[in-house]
Amino acid sequence: AQGRIRGTLAMPLSEAGVAEARRAAALVAASPPVAVYASGDACAAETARLVGTACGLRPRRAANLGNLDQGLWQGMLVDEIRAKQPRLYRQWQDNPWAVAPPEGELLEEACLRVEAALETLARRHASGRVAVVVPPPLDQVVRWIVSGESMGDLWAGEPERPPVAEFPLAAQWRPARR
């Protein structure tokens, strides 16, 4: 709610988050997926529980879908990073692929980890759609891998998007970025 960089910090859903998760659950339930998966993150797990309940499915935890590790930047406001580490902040804005936050994860590392997780889910389900619930900004990474959508600014978030990414499965599914 304060606009802090969350990364892998454990945080429960706020009241607004619960309301958003319920709206997403209703949208997903209109055309239920074959399965619901979530990262181990508390917010994602609670959202997946609400989605699963609405769809009559038991959500499952998926390995390697933890949020992008923002290292020492976690818990900070973007303006704080801009003021305290202006050069590194500019480098991150110019090319997030080449720069990791101090003690954090490179974006490429996160993408490889998430691709492997999604490929595992695709092997488990021969057809249909799978709902994947992950925290922001990893949701933007998932959408980019699945459909090639632009990631946009990973710190700005995309409030108009529901907190659930869905993707169709087929025996030959491959990430869109390949």
N, C-alpha and C. Protein backbone atom coordinates (compact mmCIF):
# COMPACT_ATOMS: atom_id res chain seq x y z
N ALA A 1 0.83 -1.19 0.00
CA ALA A 1 0.00 0.00 0.00
C ALA A 1 0.87 1.26 0.00
N GLN A 2 2.07 1.18 0.58
CA GLN A 2 2.96 2.33 0.64
C GLN A 2 3.83 2.46 -0.60
N GLY A 3 3.79 1.47 -1.48
CA GLY A 3 4.62 1.52 -2.67
C GLY A 3 6.04 1.06 -2.44
N ARG A 4 6.24 0.26 -1.42
CA ARG A 4 7.58 -0.27 -1.13
C ARG A 4 7.88 -1.47 -2.01
N ILE A 5 9.15 -1.69 -2.26
CA ILE A 5 9.57 -2.84 -3.05
C ILE A 5 9.46 -4.06 -2.16
N ARG A 6 8.64 -4.98 -2.55
CA ARG A 6 8.33 -6.12 -1.71
C ARG A 6 9.33 -7.25 -1.85
N GLY A 7 9.66 -7.62 -3.06
CA GLY A 7 10.59 -8.73 -3.25
C GLY A 7 10.10 -9.98 -2.55
N THR A 8 10.96 -10.59 -1.75
CA THR A 8 10.62 -11.84 -1.08
C THR A 8 10.17 -11.65 0.37
N LEU A 9 9.89 -10.40 0.76
CA LEU A 9 9.41 -10.17 2.12
C LEU A 9 8.06 -10.84 2.32
N ALA A 10 7.89 -11.50 3.46
CA ALA A 10 6.63 -12.18 3.77
C ALA A 10 5.64 -11.14 4.30
N MET A 11 4.51 -11.03 3.60
CA MET A 11 3.50 -10.06 3.99
C MET A 11 2.11 -10.67 3.75
N PRO A 12 1.18 -10.46 4.68
CA PRO A 12 -0.18 -10.96 4.46
C PRO A 12 -0.94 -10.05 3.50
N LEU A 13 -2.05 -10.55 2.98
CA LEU A 13 -2.91 -9.72 2.14
C LEU A 13 -3.56 -8.62 2.99
N SER A 14 -3.61 -7.44 2.44
CA SER A 14 -4.34 -6.34 3.09
C SER A 14 -5.82 -6.52 2.80
N GLU A 15 -6.66 -5.68 3.40
CA GLU A 15 -8.10 -5.74 3.10
C GLU A 15 -8.34 -5.50 1.61
N ALA A 16 -7.62 -4.53 1.05
CA ALA A 16 -7.76 -4.25 -0.38
C ALA A 16 -7.29 -5.45 -1.20
N GLY A 17 -6.25 -6.12 -0.74
CA GLY A 17 -5.75 -7.30 -1.43
C GLY A 17 -6.75 -8.45 -1.41
N VAL A 18 -7.43 -8.63 -0.29
CA VAL A 18 -8.46 -9.67 -0.19
C VAL A 18 -9.60 -9.36 -1.15
N ALA A 19 -10.01 -8.11 -1.21
CA ALA A 19 -11.08 -7.71 -2.13
C ALA A 19 -10.67 -7.95 -3.58
N GLU A 20 -9.43 -7.60 -3.90
CA GLU A 20 -8.92 -7.82 -5.26
C GLU A 20 -8.85 -9.31 -5.58
N ALA A 21 -8.43 -10.12 -4.61
CA ALA A 21 -8.35 -11.57 -4.81
C ALA A 21 -9.74 -12.16 -5.04
N ARG A 22 -10.72 -11.65 -4.33
CA ARG A 22 -12.10 -12.15 -4.53
C ARG A 22 -12.63 -11.80 -5.91
N ARG A 23 -12.32 -10.58 -6.37
CA ARG A 23 -12.73 -10.19 -7.74
C ARG A 23 -12.04 -11.09 -8.77
N ALA A 24 -10.76 -11.35 -8.57
CA ALA A 24 -10.03 -12.22 -9.49
C ALA A 24 -10.61 -13.62 -9.47
N ALA A 25 -10.96 -14.11 -8.29
CA ALA A 25 -11.54 -15.46 -8.17
C ALA A 25 -12.84 -15.56 -8.96
N ALA A 26 -13.65 -14.53 -8.90
CA ALA A 26 -14.92 -14.53 -9.65
C ALA A 26 -14.65 -14.54 -11.15
N LEU A 27 -13.66 -13.77 -11.60
CA LEU A 27 -13.32 -13.75 -13.03
C LEU A 27 -12.82 -15.11 -13.50
N VAL A 28 -11.94 -15.71 -12.73
CA VAL A 28 -11.36 -17.00 -13.11
C VAL A 28 -12.44 -18.09 -13.07
N ALA A 29 -13.33 -18.04 -12.09
CA ALA A 29 -14.37 -19.06 -11.94
C ALA A 29 -15.37 -19.05 -13.09
N ALA A 30 -15.47 -17.93 -13.81
CA ALA A 30 -16.39 -17.86 -14.94
C ALA A 30 -16.02 -18.88 -16.02
N SER A 31 -14.76 -19.21 -16.11
CA SER A 31 -14.27 -20.24 -17.03
C SER A 31 -13.12 -20.94 -16.32
N PRO A 32 -13.46 -21.88 -15.42
CA PRO A 32 -12.46 -22.45 -14.52
C PRO A 32 -11.30 -23.14 -15.24
N PRO A 33 -10.10 -22.96 -14.69
CA PRO A 33 -8.94 -23.66 -15.22
C PRO A 33 -8.96 -25.12 -14.77
N VAL A 34 -8.01 -25.91 -15.27
CA VAL A 34 -7.90 -27.31 -14.85
C VAL A 34 -7.15 -27.43 -13.53
N ALA A 35 -6.39 -26.40 -13.18
CA ALA A 35 -5.63 -26.43 -11.94
C ALA A 35 -5.27 -25.00 -11.52
N VAL A 36 -5.04 -24.84 -10.22
CA VAL A 36 -4.59 -23.56 -9.66
C VAL A 36 -3.29 -23.83 -8.90
N TYR A 37 -2.27 -23.06 -9.24
CA TYR A 37 -0.97 -23.18 -8.57
C TYR A 37 -0.59 -21.82 -7.98
N ALA A 38 0.20 -21.87 -6.92
CA ALA A 38 0.66 -20.64 -6.28
C ALA A 38 2.09 -20.80 -5.81
N SER A 39 2.76 -19.66 -5.68
CA SER A 39 4.07 -19.66 -5.05
C SER A 39 3.85 -19.90 -3.56
N GLY A 40 4.91 -20.04 -2.81
CA GLY A 40 4.81 -20.24 -1.37
C GLY A 40 4.55 -18.96 -0.61
N ASP A 41 4.51 -17.84 -1.30
CA ASP A 41 4.26 -16.53 -0.70
C ASP A 41 2.88 -16.49 -0.06
N ALA A 42 2.77 -15.88 1.12
CA ALA A 42 1.50 -15.85 1.86
C ALA A 42 0.37 -15.19 1.07
N CYS A 43 0.66 -14.07 0.42
CA CYS A 43 -0.38 -13.38 -0.36
C CYS A 43 -0.85 -14.25 -1.53
N ALA A 44 0.10 -14.86 -2.23
CA ALA A 44 -0.26 -15.70 -3.37
C ALA A 44 -1.03 -16.94 -2.90
N ALA A 45 -0.61 -17.52 -1.79
CA ALA A 45 -1.31 -18.71 -1.28
C ALA A 45 -2.75 -18.37 -0.89
N GLU A 46 -2.96 -17.23 -0.24
CA GLU A 46 -4.31 -16.82 0.14
C GLU A 46 -5.16 -16.51 -1.09
N THR A 47 -4.58 -15.84 -2.06
CA THR A 47 -5.31 -15.56 -3.30
C THR A 47 -5.67 -16.86 -4.00
N ALA A 48 -4.71 -17.78 -4.08
CA ALA A 48 -4.96 -19.08 -4.72
C ALA A 48 -6.06 -19.85 -3.98
N ARG A 49 -6.10 -19.74 -2.66
CA ARG A 49 -7.16 -20.41 -1.89
C ARG A 49 -8.53 -19.85 -2.29
N LEU A 50 -8.62 -18.53 -2.42
CA LEU A 50 -9.89 -17.92 -2.82
C LEU A 50 -10.27 -18.31 -4.25
N VAL A 51 -9.29 -18.31 -5.15
CA VAL A 51 -9.54 -18.71 -6.54
C VAL A 51 -9.95 -20.18 -6.59
N GLY A 52 -9.22 -21.02 -5.87
CA GLY A 52 -9.53 -22.46 -5.85
C GLY A 52 -10.92 -22.73 -5.33
N THR A 53 -11.29 -22.05 -4.26
CA THR A 53 -12.64 -22.22 -3.69
C THR A 53 -13.70 -21.84 -4.72
N ALA A 54 -13.50 -20.72 -5.40
CA ALA A 54 -14.47 -20.26 -6.40
C ALA A 54 -14.57 -21.22 -7.59
N CYS A 55 -13.46 -21.91 -7.88
CA CYS A 55 -13.42 -22.82 -9.04
C CYS A 55 -13.65 -24.28 -8.66
N GLY A 56 -13.79 -24.57 -7.37
CA GLY A 56 -13.95 -25.95 -6.94
C GLY A 56 -12.67 -26.76 -7.08
N LEU A 57 -11.53 -26.09 -6.95
CA LEU A 57 -10.23 -26.74 -7.09
C LEU A 57 -9.39 -26.52 -5.84
N ARG A 58 -8.53 -27.48 -5.56
CA ARG A 58 -7.60 -27.33 -4.45
C ARG A 58 -6.30 -26.75 -5.02
N PRO A 59 -5.93 -25.55 -4.59
CA PRO A 59 -4.68 -24.98 -5.11
C PRO A 59 -3.47 -25.78 -4.64
N ARG A 60 -2.48 -25.81 -5.48
CA ARG A 60 -1.25 -26.51 -5.16
C ARG A 60 -0.08 -25.53 -5.17
N ARG A 61 0.91 -25.84 -4.40
CA ARG A 61 2.11 -24.99 -4.37
C ARG A 61 3.03 -25.45 -5.50
N ALA A 62 3.58 -24.48 -6.18
CA ALA A 62 4.52 -24.77 -7.27
C ALA A 62 5.91 -24.28 -6.88
N ALA A 63 6.87 -25.14 -7.03
CA ALA A 63 8.26 -24.78 -6.72
C ALA A 63 8.79 -23.76 -7.72
N ASN A 64 9.72 -22.97 -7.30
CA ASN A 64 10.45 -22.00 -8.14
C ASN A 64 9.61 -20.83 -8.64
N LEU A 65 8.49 -20.57 -7.97
CA LEU A 65 7.68 -19.41 -8.34
C LEU A 65 7.73 -18.32 -7.28
N GLY A 66 8.78 -18.34 -6.47
CA GLY A 66 8.97 -17.27 -5.49
C GLY A 66 9.23 -15.95 -6.20
N ASN A 67 8.95 -14.87 -5.53
CA ASN A 67 9.08 -13.55 -6.13
C ASN A 67 10.53 -13.22 -6.48
N LEU A 68 10.68 -12.23 -7.34
CA LEU A 68 11.98 -11.70 -7.72
C LEU A 68 12.67 -11.19 -6.46
N ASP A 69 13.85 -11.70 -6.16
CA ASP A 69 14.59 -11.31 -4.96
C ASP A 69 15.24 -9.95 -5.19
N GLN A 70 14.75 -8.95 -4.50
CA GLN A 70 15.26 -7.59 -4.65
C GLN A 70 16.34 -7.25 -3.62
N GLY A 71 16.84 -8.26 -2.94
CA GLY A 71 17.98 -8.09 -2.05
C GLY A 71 17.78 -6.98 -1.03
N LEU A 72 18.80 -6.14 -0.90
CA LEU A 72 18.78 -5.06 0.09
C LEU A 72 17.78 -3.96 -0.25
N TRP A 73 17.20 -3.98 -1.45
CA TRP A 73 16.20 -2.98 -1.82
C TRP A 73 14.82 -3.33 -1.27
N GLN A 74 14.64 -4.55 -0.82
CA GLN A 74 13.34 -4.97 -0.31
C GLN A 74 12.94 -4.11 0.88
N GLY A 75 11.70 -3.65 0.86
CA GLY A 75 11.18 -2.82 1.92
C GLY A 75 11.42 -1.33 1.71
N MET A 76 12.20 -0.98 0.71
CA MET A 76 12.51 0.43 0.45
C MET A 76 11.52 1.01 -0.56
N LEU A 77 11.36 2.32 -0.51
CA LEU A 77 10.61 3.03 -1.54
C LEU A 77 11.53 3.27 -2.73
N VAL A 78 10.98 3.32 -3.92
CA VAL A 78 11.77 3.58 -5.12
C VAL A 78 12.52 4.90 -4.98
N ASP A 79 11.86 5.92 -4.41
CA ASP A 79 12.52 7.22 -4.23
C ASP A 79 13.74 7.12 -3.30
N GLU A 80 13.67 6.23 -2.32
CA GLU A 80 14.82 6.03 -1.43
C GLU A 80 16.00 5.43 -2.18
N ILE A 81 15.73 4.50 -3.06
CA ILE A 81 16.79 3.89 -3.85
C ILE A 81 17.38 4.93 -4.79
N ARG A 82 16.52 5.69 -5.42
CA ARG A 82 16.97 6.74 -6.34
C ARG A 82 17.89 7.73 -5.62
N ALA A 83 17.57 8.06 -4.38
CA ALA A 83 18.38 9.02 -3.62
C ALA A 83 19.66 8.40 -3.06
N LYS A 84 19.59 7.16 -2.58
CA LYS A 84 20.73 6.53 -1.92
C LYS A 84 21.72 5.88 -2.89
N GLN A 85 21.20 5.38 -4.00
CA GLN A 85 22.05 4.68 -4.97
C GLN A 85 21.69 5.14 -6.38
N PRO A 86 21.91 6.42 -6.68
CA PRO A 86 21.43 6.95 -7.97
C PRO A 86 22.03 6.27 -9.19
N ARG A 87 23.30 5.92 -9.15
CA ARG A 87 23.93 5.29 -10.31
C ARG A 87 23.35 3.89 -10.55
N LEU A 88 23.24 3.10 -9.49
CA LEU A 88 22.68 1.75 -9.62
C LEU A 88 21.21 1.81 -10.01
N TYR A 89 20.48 2.78 -9.46
CA TYR A 89 19.08 2.98 -9.83
C TYR A 89 18.96 3.25 -11.32
N ARG A 90 19.77 4.15 -11.85
CA ARG A 90 19.74 4.47 -13.30
C ARG A 90 20.07 3.24 -14.13
N GLN A 91 21.07 2.47 -13.69
CA GLN A 91 21.44 1.26 -14.42
C GLN A 91 20.28 0.27 -14.43
N TRP A 92 19.60 0.12 -13.30
CA TRP A 92 18.45 -0.79 -13.22
C TRP A 92 17.34 -0.33 -14.17
N GLN A 93 17.06 0.96 -14.20
CA GLN A 93 16.03 1.50 -15.07
C GLN A 93 16.40 1.34 -16.54
N ASP A 94 17.67 1.56 -16.86
CA ASP A 94 18.13 1.46 -18.25
C ASP A 94 18.19 0.02 -18.74
N ASN A 95 18.63 -0.89 -17.88
CA ASN A 95 18.80 -2.28 -18.31
C ASN A 95 18.68 -3.22 -17.11
N PRO A 96 17.45 -3.54 -16.69
CA PRO A 96 17.29 -4.42 -15.53
C PRO A 96 17.84 -5.83 -15.76
N TRP A 97 18.11 -6.18 -17.01
CA TRP A 97 18.67 -7.49 -17.32
C TRP A 97 20.14 -7.60 -16.89
N ALA A 98 20.82 -6.48 -16.82
CA ALA A 98 22.26 -6.50 -16.55
C ALA A 98 22.61 -6.13 -15.11
N VAL A 99 21.63 -5.72 -14.32
CA VAL A 99 21.91 -5.22 -12.98
C VAL A 99 21.01 -5.93 -11.98
N ALA A 100 21.61 -6.35 -10.89
CA ALA A 100 20.84 -6.92 -9.78
C ALA A 100 20.94 -5.98 -8.59
N PRO A 101 19.88 -5.87 -7.81
CA PRO A 101 19.99 -5.10 -6.57
C PRO A 101 21.07 -5.73 -5.69
N PRO A 102 21.69 -4.96 -4.81
CA PRO A 102 22.69 -5.55 -3.92
C PRO A 102 22.12 -6.77 -3.19
N GLU A 103 22.81 -7.89 -3.29
CA GLU A 103 22.41 -9.17 -2.69
C GLU A 103 21.10 -9.71 -3.27
N GLY A 104 20.71 -9.22 -4.45
CA GLY A 104 19.47 -9.65 -5.08
C GLY A 104 19.72 -10.57 -6.26
N GLU A 105 18.68 -10.80 -7.01
CA GLU A 105 18.66 -11.76 -8.12
C GLU A 105 18.60 -11.01 -9.45
N LEU A 106 19.39 -11.47 -10.40
CA LEU A 106 19.29 -10.93 -11.76
C LEU A 106 17.94 -11.32 -12.35
N LEU A 107 17.37 -10.46 -13.15
CA LEU A 107 16.10 -10.73 -13.81
C LEU A 107 16.19 -11.99 -14.66
N GLU A 108 17.29 -12.17 -15.35
CA GLU A 108 17.48 -13.37 -16.19
C GLU A 108 17.43 -14.64 -15.34
N GLU A 109 18.03 -14.61 -14.16
CA GLU A 109 17.98 -15.77 -13.27
C GLU A 109 16.54 -16.09 -12.88
N ALA A 110 15.78 -15.07 -12.54
CA ALA A 110 14.37 -15.27 -12.18
C ALA A 110 13.59 -15.84 -13.36
N CYS A 111 13.84 -15.33 -14.55
CA CYS A 111 13.12 -15.81 -15.74
C CYS A 111 13.42 -17.28 -16.01
N LEU A 112 14.65 -17.67 -15.90
CA LEU A 112 15.01 -19.08 -16.11
C LEU A 112 14.33 -19.98 -15.08
N ARG A 113 14.31 -19.54 -13.85
CA ARG A 113 13.67 -20.29 -12.77
C ARG A 113 12.17 -20.43 -13.02
N VAL A 114 11.52 -19.34 -13.42
CA VAL A 114 10.08 -19.35 -13.65
C VAL A 114 9.74 -20.16 -14.90
N GLU A 115 10.54 -20.03 -15.96
CA GLU A 115 10.31 -20.86 -17.16
C GLU A 115 10.32 -22.34 -16.82
N ALA A 116 11.31 -22.75 -16.03
CA ALA A 116 11.40 -24.17 -15.65
C ALA A 116 10.16 -24.59 -14.86
N ALA A 117 9.69 -23.73 -13.96
CA ALA A 117 8.50 -24.06 -13.17
C ALA A 117 7.27 -24.19 -14.07
N LEU A 118 7.11 -23.27 -15.01
CA LEU A 118 5.95 -23.32 -15.91
C LEU A 118 6.01 -24.53 -16.84
N GLU A 119 7.20 -24.88 -17.29
CA GLU A 119 7.34 -26.08 -18.13
C GLU A 119 6.96 -27.33 -17.34
N THR A 120 7.29 -27.37 -16.06
CA THR A 120 6.90 -28.50 -15.21
C THR A 120 5.38 -28.58 -15.12
N LEU A 121 4.72 -27.44 -14.93
CA LEU A 121 3.26 -27.43 -14.87
C LEU A 121 2.65 -27.88 -16.19
N ALA A 122 3.24 -27.45 -17.29
CA ALA A 122 2.74 -27.84 -18.61
C ALA A 122 2.86 -29.36 -18.81
N ARG A 123 3.92 -29.95 -18.31
CA ARG A 123 4.07 -31.41 -18.43
C ARG A 123 3.03 -32.15 -17.59
N ARG A 124 2.59 -31.55 -16.48
CA ARG A 124 1.60 -32.19 -15.61
C ARG A 124 0.20 -32.18 -16.20
N HIS A 125 -0.08 -31.22 -17.08
CA HIS A 125 -1.43 -31.05 -17.63
C HIS A 125 -1.34 -31.02 -19.14
N ALA A 126 -1.95 -32.02 -19.77
CA ALA A 126 -1.85 -32.15 -21.23
C ALA A 126 -2.64 -31.07 -21.97
N SER A 127 -3.70 -30.58 -21.38
CA SER A 127 -4.51 -29.56 -22.06
C SER A 127 -5.28 -28.76 -21.03
N GLY A 128 -5.96 -27.75 -21.52
CA GLY A 128 -6.73 -26.87 -20.66
C GLY A 128 -5.95 -25.61 -20.32
N ARG A 129 -6.40 -24.91 -19.27
CA ARG A 129 -5.71 -23.71 -18.79
C ARG A 129 -5.32 -23.93 -17.34
N VAL A 130 -4.20 -23.36 -16.97
CA VAL A 130 -3.73 -23.41 -15.59
C VAL A 130 -3.69 -21.98 -15.07
N ALA A 131 -4.18 -21.78 -13.85
CA ALA A 131 -4.08 -20.48 -13.20
C ALA A 131 -2.85 -20.50 -12.31
N VAL A 132 -2.04 -19.45 -12.40
CA VAL A 132 -0.83 -19.34 -11.61
C VAL A 132 -0.92 -18.05 -10.81
N VAL A 133 -0.80 -18.17 -9.50
CA VAL A 133 -0.89 -17.01 -8.61
C VAL A 133 0.49 -16.76 -8.01
N VAL A 134 1.05 -15.62 -8.36
CA VAL A 134 2.36 -15.21 -7.85
C VAL A 134 2.28 -13.73 -7.48
N PRO A 135 3.18 -13.28 -6.60
CA PRO A 135 3.15 -11.87 -6.20
C PRO A 135 3.72 -10.97 -7.28
N PRO A 136 3.35 -9.69 -7.25
CA PRO A 136 3.98 -8.74 -8.15
C PRO A 136 5.41 -8.45 -7.66
N PRO A 137 6.35 -8.24 -8.52
CA PRO A 137 6.26 -8.09 -9.97
C PRO A 137 6.42 -9.40 -10.73
N LEU A 138 6.50 -10.54 -10.00
CA LEU A 138 6.70 -11.80 -10.71
C LEU A 138 5.54 -12.11 -11.64
N ASP A 139 4.33 -11.58 -11.34
CA ASP A 139 3.20 -11.80 -12.24
C ASP A 139 3.49 -11.22 -13.63
N GLN A 140 4.19 -10.08 -13.67
CA GLN A 140 4.54 -9.49 -14.96
C GLN A 140 5.55 -10.36 -15.70
N VAL A 141 6.47 -10.96 -14.96
CA VAL A 141 7.46 -11.87 -15.55
C VAL A 141 6.75 -13.09 -16.12
N VAL A 142 5.80 -13.66 -15.35
CA VAL A 142 5.05 -14.84 -15.82
C VAL A 142 4.30 -14.50 -17.10
N ARG A 143 3.61 -13.37 -17.14
CA ARG A 143 2.86 -13.00 -18.35
C ARG A 143 3.80 -12.82 -19.55
N TRP A 144 4.98 -12.27 -19.31
CA TRP A 144 5.95 -12.10 -20.39
C TRP A 144 6.41 -13.45 -20.92
N ILE A 145 6.71 -14.38 -20.02
CA ILE A 145 7.16 -15.72 -20.44
C ILE A 145 6.06 -16.46 -21.18
N VAL A 146 4.83 -16.37 -20.67
CA VAL A 146 3.72 -17.13 -21.25
C VAL A 146 3.25 -16.56 -22.58
N SER A 147 3.09 -15.23 -22.63
CA SER A 147 2.45 -14.65 -23.81
C SER A 147 3.28 -13.62 -24.56
N GLY A 148 4.42 -13.27 -24.00
CA GLY A 148 5.24 -12.25 -24.65
C GLY A 148 4.81 -10.84 -24.33
N GLU A 149 3.82 -10.65 -23.40
CA GLU A 149 3.40 -9.30 -23.00
C GLU A 149 4.61 -8.55 -22.45
N SER A 150 4.62 -7.27 -22.65
CA SER A 150 5.68 -6.44 -22.10
C SER A 150 5.67 -6.51 -20.58
N MET A 151 6.86 -6.57 -19.99
CA MET A 151 6.94 -6.56 -18.53
C MET A 151 6.65 -5.17 -17.98
N GLY A 152 6.93 -4.15 -18.76
CA GLY A 152 6.73 -2.79 -18.26
C GLY A 152 7.70 -2.48 -17.14
N ASP A 153 7.36 -1.52 -16.32
CA ASP A 153 8.16 -1.13 -15.18
C ASP A 153 7.86 -2.09 -14.03
N LEU A 154 8.83 -2.89 -13.65
CA LEU A 154 8.60 -3.89 -12.62
C LEU A 154 8.31 -3.29 -11.25
N TRP A 155 8.60 -2.03 -11.06
CA TRP A 155 8.31 -1.39 -9.77
C TRP A 155 6.99 -0.65 -9.79
N ALA A 156 6.47 -0.34 -10.94
CA ALA A 156 5.23 0.43 -11.00
C ALA A 156 4.01 -0.45 -10.77
N GLY A 157 4.12 -1.74 -11.10
CA GLY A 157 2.97 -2.63 -10.98
C GLY A 157 1.96 -2.34 -12.08
N GLU A 158 1.04 -3.23 -12.24
CA GLU A 158 0.00 -3.09 -13.25
C GLU A 158 -1.34 -3.29 -12.55
N PRO A 159 -1.88 -2.25 -11.88
CA PRO A 159 -3.07 -2.42 -11.05
C PRO A 159 -4.31 -2.88 -11.80
N GLU A 160 -4.39 -2.67 -13.10
CA GLU A 160 -5.58 -3.09 -13.83
C GLU A 160 -5.61 -4.59 -14.12
N ARG A 161 -4.49 -5.26 -13.92
CA ARG A 161 -4.44 -6.70 -14.17
C ARG A 161 -4.83 -7.47 -12.90
N PRO A 162 -5.60 -8.54 -13.07
CA PRO A 162 -5.92 -9.35 -11.89
C PRO A 162 -4.67 -10.07 -11.39
N PRO A 163 -4.63 -10.44 -10.11
CA PRO A 163 -3.44 -11.07 -9.55
C PRO A 163 -3.30 -12.54 -9.90
N VAL A 164 -3.91 -12.96 -10.99
CA VAL A 164 -3.84 -14.35 -11.42
C VAL A 164 -3.49 -14.37 -12.91
N ALA A 165 -2.44 -15.08 -13.26
CA ALA A 165 -2.09 -15.26 -14.66
C ALA A 165 -2.56 -16.64 -15.09
N GLU A 166 -3.19 -16.71 -16.24
CA GLU A 166 -3.65 -17.99 -16.75
C GLU A 166 -2.97 -18.26 -18.08
N PHE A 167 -2.69 -19.53 -18.35
CA PHE A 167 -2.14 -19.83 -19.65
C PHE A 167 -2.68 -21.15 -20.16
N PRO A 168 -2.92 -21.20 -21.49
CA PRO A 168 -3.43 -22.42 -22.09
C PRO A 168 -2.31 -23.44 -22.22
N LEU A 169 -2.67 -24.69 -22.08
CA LEU A 169 -1.68 -25.76 -22.18
C LEU A 169 -1.95 -26.62 -23.39
N ALA A 170 -0.90 -27.12 -23.93
CA ALA A 170 -0.95 -28.11 -25.00
C ALA A 170 0.29 -28.96 -24.83
N ALA A 171 0.29 -30.10 -25.43
CA ALA A 171 1.43 -31.01 -25.27
C ALA A 171 2.75 -30.35 -25.67
N GLN A 172 2.70 -29.43 -26.61
CA GLN A 172 3.94 -28.81 -27.11
C GLN A 172 4.14 -27.39 -26.60
N TRP A 173 3.51 -27.00 -25.46
CA TRP A 173 3.65 -25.62 -24.97
C TRP A 173 5.10 -25.30 -24.69
N ARG A 174 5.50 -24.13 -25.11
CA ARG A 174 6.83 -23.60 -24.82
C ARG A 174 6.68 -22.13 -24.45
N PRO A 175 7.58 -21.62 -23.62
CA PRO A 175 7.51 -20.19 -23.28
C PRO A 175 7.55 -19.31 -24.52
N ALA A 176 6.80 -18.22 -24.49
CA ALA A 176 6.72 -17.30 -25.63
C ALA A 176 8.05 -16.63 -25.91
N ARG A 177 8.89 -16.48 -24.91
CA ARG A 177 10.14 -15.75 -25.12
C ARG A 177 11.18 -16.55 -25.87
N ARG A 178 10.96 -17.82 -26.12
CA ARG A 178 11.97 -18.62 -26.84
C ARG A 178 11.85 -18.47 -28.32
